[in-house]
C-alpha atoms as a PDB file:
ATOM      1  CA  UNK A   1      30.031  82.706  34.796  1.00  0.00           C
ATOM      2  CA  UNK A   2      30.130  80.910  31.618  1.00  0.00           C
ATOM      3  CA  UNK A   3      27.888  78.390  33.126  1.00  0.00           C
ATOM      4  CA  UNK A   4      25.376  81.091  34.062  1.00  0.00           C
ATOM      5  CA  UNK A   5      25.568  82.593  30.525  1.00  0.00           C
ATOM      6  CA  UNK A   6      24.716  79.147  29.174  1.00  0.00           C
ATOM      7  CA  UNK A   7      21.972  78.497  31.507  1.00  0.00           C
ATOM      8  CA  UNK A   8      20.547  81.933  30.587  1.00  0.00           C
ATOM      9  CA  UNK A   9      20.656  81.034  27.059  1.00  0.00           C
ATOM     10  CA  UNK A  10      18.902  77.885  27.597  1.00  0.00           C
ATOM     11  CA  UNK A  11      16.209  79.637  29.576  1.00  0.00           C
ATOM     12  CA  UNK A  12      15.900  82.201  26.839  1.00  0.00           C
ATOM     13  CA  UNK A  13      15.602  79.574  24.228  1.00  0.00           C
ATOM     14  CA  UNK A  14      12.988  77.711  26.266  1.00  0.00           C
ATOM     15  CA  UNK A  15      11.076  81.013  26.812  1.00  0.00           C
ATOM     16  CA  UNK A  16      11.238  81.644  23.030  1.00  0.00           C
ATOM     17  CA  UNK A  17      10.028  78.114  22.320  1.00  0.00           C
ATOM     18  CA  UNK A  18       7.296  78.537  24.899  1.00  0.00           C
ATOM     19  CA  UNK A  19       6.473  81.819  23.521  1.00  0.00           C
ATOM     20  CA  UNK A  20       6.259  80.576  19.993  1.00  0.00           C
ATOM     21  CA  UNK A  21       4.120  77.686  21.071  1.00  0.00           C
ATOM     22  CA  UNK A  22       1.794  79.973  22.875  1.00  0.00           C
ATOM     23  CA  UNK A  23       1.805  82.378  19.842  1.00  0.00           C
ATOM     24  CA  UNK A  24       0.976  79.415  17.579  1.00  0.00           C
ATOM     25  CA  UNK A  25      -1.796  78.324  20.025  1.00  0.00           C
ATOM     26  CA  UNK A  26      -3.275  81.902  19.857  1.00  0.00           C
ATOM     27  CA  UNK A  27      -2.903  81.982  16.130  1.00  0.00           C
ATOM     28  CA  UNK A  28      -4.683  78.645  15.793  1.00  0.00           C
ATOM     29  CA  UNK A  29      -7.538  79.913  18.108  1.00  0.00           C
ATOM     30  CA  UNK A  30      -7.721  83.162  16.191  1.00  0.00           C
ATOM     31  CA  UNK A  31      -7.927  81.356  12.880  1.00  0.00           C
ATOM     32  CA  UNK A  32     -10.481  79.039  14.115  1.00  0.00           C
ATOM     33  CA  UNK A  33     -12.599  82.049  15.450  1.00  0.00           C
ATOM     34  CA  UNK A  34     -12.456  83.699  12.108  1.00  0.00           C
ATOM     35  CA  UNK A  35     -13.519  80.406  10.275  1.00  0.00           C
ATOM     36  CA  UNK A  36     -16.356  80.198  12.657  1.00  0.00           C
ATOM     37  CA  UNK A  37     -17.532  83.772  12.245  1.00  0.00           C
ATOM     38  CA  UNK A  38     -17.287  83.249   8.413  1.00  0.00           C
ATOM     39  CA  UNK A  39     -19.410  80.171   8.704  1.00  0.00           C
ATOM     40  CA  UNK A  40     -21.909  81.957  10.925  1.00  0.00           C
ATOM     41  CA  UNK A  41     -21.988  84.876   8.359  1.00  0.00           C
ATOM     42  CA  UNK A  42     -22.602  82.426   5.488  1.00  0.00           C
ATOM     43  CA  UNK A  43     -25.253  80.633   7.465  1.00  0.00           C
ATOM     44  CA  UNK A  44     -26.861  83.862   8.360  1.00  0.00           C
ATOM     45  CA  UNK A  45     -26.981  84.919   4.522  1.00  0.00           C
ATOM     46  CA  UNK A  46     -28.336  81.530   3.505  1.00  0.00           C
ATOM     47  CA  UNK A  47     -31.005  81.861   6.199  1.00  0.00           C
ATOM     48  CA  UNK A  48     -31.922  85.286   4.969  1.00  0.00           C
ATOM     49  CA  UNK A  49     -32.187  83.896   1.226  1.00  0.00           C
ATOM     50  CA  UNK A  50     -34.346  81.063   2.446  1.00  0.00           C
ATOM     51  CA  UNK A  51     -36.585  83.373   4.349  1.00  0.00           C
ATOM     52  CA  UNK A  52     -36.832  85.644   1.328  1.00  0.00           C
ATOM     53  CA  UNK A  53     -37.637  82.708  -0.873  1.00  0.00           C
ATOM     54  CA  UNK A  54     -40.233  81.356   1.651  1.00  0.00           C
ATOM     55  CA  UNK A  55     -41.942  84.786   1.701  1.00  0.00           C
ATOM     56  CA  UNK A  56     -42.016  84.936  -2.043  1.00  0.00           C
ATOM     57  CA  UNK A  57     -43.415  81.472  -2.457  1.00  0.00           C
ATOM     58  CA  UNK A  58     -46.056  82.065   0.155  1.00  0.00           C
ATOM     59  CA  UNK A  59     -47.138  85.242  -1.673  1.00  0.00           C
ATOM     60  CA  UNK A  60     -47.247  83.390  -4.943  1.00  0.00           C
ATOM     61  CA  UNK A  61     -49.151  80.499  -3.456  1.00  0.00           C
ATOM     62  CA  UNK A  62     -51.629  82.910  -1.840  1.00  0.00           C
ATOM     63  CA  UNK A  63     -52.137  84.624  -5.243  1.00  0.00           C
ATOM     64  CA  UNK A  64     -52.651  81.300  -6.919  1.00  0.00           C
ATOM     65  CA  UNK A  65     -55.163  80.094  -4.257  1.00  0.00           C
ATOM     66  CA  UNK A  66     -57.160  83.457  -4.648  1.00  0.00           C
ATOM     67  CA  UNK A  67     -57.244  82.945  -8.500  1.00  0.00           C
ATOM     68  CA  UNK A  68     -58.340  79.352  -7.955  1.00  0.00           C
ATOM     69  CA  UNK A  69     -61.050  80.651  -5.612  1.00  0.00           C
ATOM     70  CA  UNK A  70     -62.318  83.145  -8.079  1.00  0.00           C
ATOM     71  CA  UNK A  71     -62.298  80.395 -10.929  1.00  0.00           C
ATOM     72  CA  UNK A  72     -64.338  78.083  -8.685  1.00  0.00           C
ATOM     73  CA  UNK A  73     -66.893  80.806  -7.887  1.00  0.00           C
ATOM     74  CA  UNK A  74     -67.197  81.354 -11.609  1.00  0.00           C
ATOM     75  CA  UNK A  75     -67.607  77.661 -12.256  1.00  0.00           C
ATOM     76  CA  UNK A  76     -70.187  77.425  -9.400  1.00  0.00           C
ATOM     77  CA  UNK A  77     -72.240  80.300 -11.004  1.00  0.00           C
ATOM     78  CA  UNK A  78     -72.059  78.636 -14.478  1.00  0.00           C
ATOM     79  CA  UNK A  79     -73.129  75.158 -13.086  1.00  0.00           C
ATOM     80  CA  UNK A  80     -76.090  76.859 -11.134  1.00  0.00           C
ATOM     81  CA  UNK A  81     -77.242  78.648 -14.450  1.00  0.00           C
ATOM     82  CA  UNK A  82     -76.857  75.444 -16.314  1.00  0.00           C
ATOM     83  CA  UNK A  83     -78.937  73.555 -13.723  1.00  0.00           C
ATOM     84  CA  UNK A  84     -81.518  76.300 -13.817  1.00  0.00           C
ATOM     85  CA  UNK A  85     -81.708  76.070 -17.593  1.00  0.00           C
ATOM     86  CA  UNK A  86     -82.062  72.247 -17.465  1.00  0.00           C
ATOM     87  CA  UNK A  87     -84.786  72.460 -15.094  1.00  0.00           C
ATOM     88  CA  UNK A  88     -86.682  74.970 -17.187  1.00  0.00           C
ATOM     89  CA  UNK A  89     -86.117  73.044 -20.370  1.00  0.00           C
ATOM     90  CA  UNK A  90     -87.245  69.812 -18.747  1.00  0.00           C
ATOM     91  CA  UNK A  91     -90.414  71.548 -17.476  1.00  0.00           C
ATOM     92  CA  UNK A  92     -91.176  72.900 -20.999  1.00  0.00           C
ATOM     93  CA  UNK A  93     -90.543  69.491 -22.555  1.00  0.00           C
ATOM     94  CA  UNK A  94     -93.511  68.076 -20.759  1.00  0.00           C
ATOM     95  CA  UNK A  95     -95.699  70.762 -22.578  1.00  0.00           C
ATOM     96  CA  UNK A  96     -94.666  69.637 -25.989  1.00  0.00           C
ATOM     97  CA  UNK A  97     -96.779  67.147 -27.977  1.00  0.00           C
ATOM     98  CA  UNK A  98     -95.449  63.785 -28.815  1.00  0.00           C
ATOM     99  CA  UNK A  99     -94.975  62.804 -32.488  1.00  0.00           C
ATOM    100  CA  UNK A 100     -97.821  60.220 -32.244  1.00  0.00           C
ATOM    101  CA  UNK A 101    -100.041  62.655 -30.941  1.00  0.00           C
ATOM    102  CA  UNK A 102     -99.244  65.136 -33.832  1.00  0.00           C
ATOM    103  CA  UNK A 103     -99.688  62.428 -36.503  1.00  0.00           C
ATOM    104  CA  UNK A 104    -103.221  61.552 -35.001  1.00  0.00           C
ATOM    105  CA  UNK A 105    -104.254  65.215 -35.062  1.00  0.00           C
ATOM    106  CA  UNK A 106    -102.988  65.542 -38.516  1.00  0.00           C
ATOM    107  CA  UNK A 107    -105.082  62.613 -39.674  1.00  0.00           C
ATOM    108  CA  UNK A 108    -108.141  63.987 -37.907  1.00  0.00           C
ATOM    109  CA  UNK A 109    -107.763  67.298 -39.579  1.00  0.00           C
ATOM    110  CA  UNK A 110    -107.512  65.708 -42.796  1.00  0.00           C
ATOM    111  CA  UNK A 111    -110.801  63.840 -42.047  1.00  0.00           C
ATOM    112  CA  UNK A 112    -112.684  66.918 -41.225  1.00  0.00           C
ATOM    113  CA  UNK A 113    -111.480  69.147 -44.060  1.00  0.00           C
ATOM    114  CA  UNK A 114    -114.364  70.727 -45.780  1.00  0.00           C
ATOM    115  CA  UNK A 115    -115.061  69.801 -49.338  1.00  0.00           C
ATOM    116  CA  UNK A 116    -113.244  71.787 -51.731  1.00  0.00           C
ATOM    117  CA  UNK A 117    -115.371  74.437 -53.409  1.00  0.00           C
ATOM    118  CA  UNK A 118    -115.823  73.814 -56.947  1.00  0.00           C
ATOM    119  CA  UNK A 119    -117.176  76.262 -59.514  1.00  0.00           C
ATOM    120  CA  UNK A 120    -119.970  75.163 -61.709  1.00  0.00           C
ATOM    121  CA  UNK A 121    -117.842  75.630 -64.800  1.00  0.00           C
ATOM    122  CA  UNK A 122    -115.209  73.284 -63.370  1.00  0.00           C
ATOM    123  CA  UNK A 123    -117.775  70.750 -62.299  1.00  0.00           C
ATOM    124  CA  UNK A 124    -119.308  70.548 -65.944  1.00  0.00           C
ATOM    125  CA  UNK A 125    -115.740  69.684 -67.162  1.00  0.00           C
END
């Protein structure tokens, strides 16, 4: 009977050892599962942050592009007005007289100036 009791103790110890190994195995799996869930949660949070940042950057970029388009339109209008002014000015320049022409007209005017009227009193002096 003593033998049976010793064998029973050995079986009990083996069962406890097997149970502790299986408990340890389950504990390890449970720990790994929690770690993976935490990593998954962290990745999900990071992904949400990246998505929010992407949306904010897209909105800012769209706003900047819209402002640039407005600026380009203003610049286009200013350039068109400048071109129109230059075309008008260049057409008007052809109507102006040249310096040489003005000098020649001035000489001709001096040549045909009527004689100054002199009074008889002044003439005697």
